[in-house]
Amino acid sequence: MKNRVNRLKYFTDGILKENPILVIMIGLCPTLATSTTAKDALGMGIAASFVLIASNIVISLIRKFVPNSVRIPIFIIVISTFVTIVDYVMQAYAPALYRVLGVFVPLIVVNCIILGRAEAFAYHHGVFDSFLDGLGKSLGFTLVIVCMGIIREYLSTAKIFGFNIGPKFLSTNPVLFMLFPPGGFLLIGILKALVNKFINKTPE
């Protein structure tokens, strides 16, 4: 029973308690750059999630054969392999999205979330635990970046996922500030404050 509870925590902690963006505050560069629309944010979330989960699994599988002194270069090779797969698949099947995300797809290789989980968790835990950790952190990252994409797209274009659902007032008076990095930083700050107040509130 205790092992089951611990494993459940590996998954659930990544969603809120140890959310990569709102709590640990890493991976902010791709978050700010690719969350201007919900569609772009979802694309980045799926791409990063695939790389994180797959690399966690592989690194956990090979961890006993990896010398400690060269673990970081090997981690990067594993991660870059999955990034290359994502890069080619996206170019082939989602070229429009690939053009929008641009350099941030190959830069998943150096995403702090992915390399950090490889070093802090997958290198020290079994395959299933590493899978749960990667899944939880991926879900936490994707939920936040898509939420930001929805809010920023709605306020700046009165649309969500490209569908015009906002009021006429917002269509004619968009909050263009939300399209730029300062708007993204402000939104992260607001979301982080909400998480701190209502979710990660510490007892007095």
Foldseek 3Di string as FASTA:
>chain_A
DVVVVVLVCLQQCLQFVPAVCLHVNFQVVLLLQQQLALVSLLLVLVLLLQLQLQLLLVLLVCLVVDDPVCSLVVSLVSSQVSLVVSLVVCCVPPVVSCVSSDPVSSVSSVGCVRSVCSVPPSSPDHNSSSNSNSNRNSNNSSVVSSVLSQVNNCQAQCDHPPHNDGDPVSNVVGPNVSSHSVVVVVVSVVVSVVSCPPPVDDDD
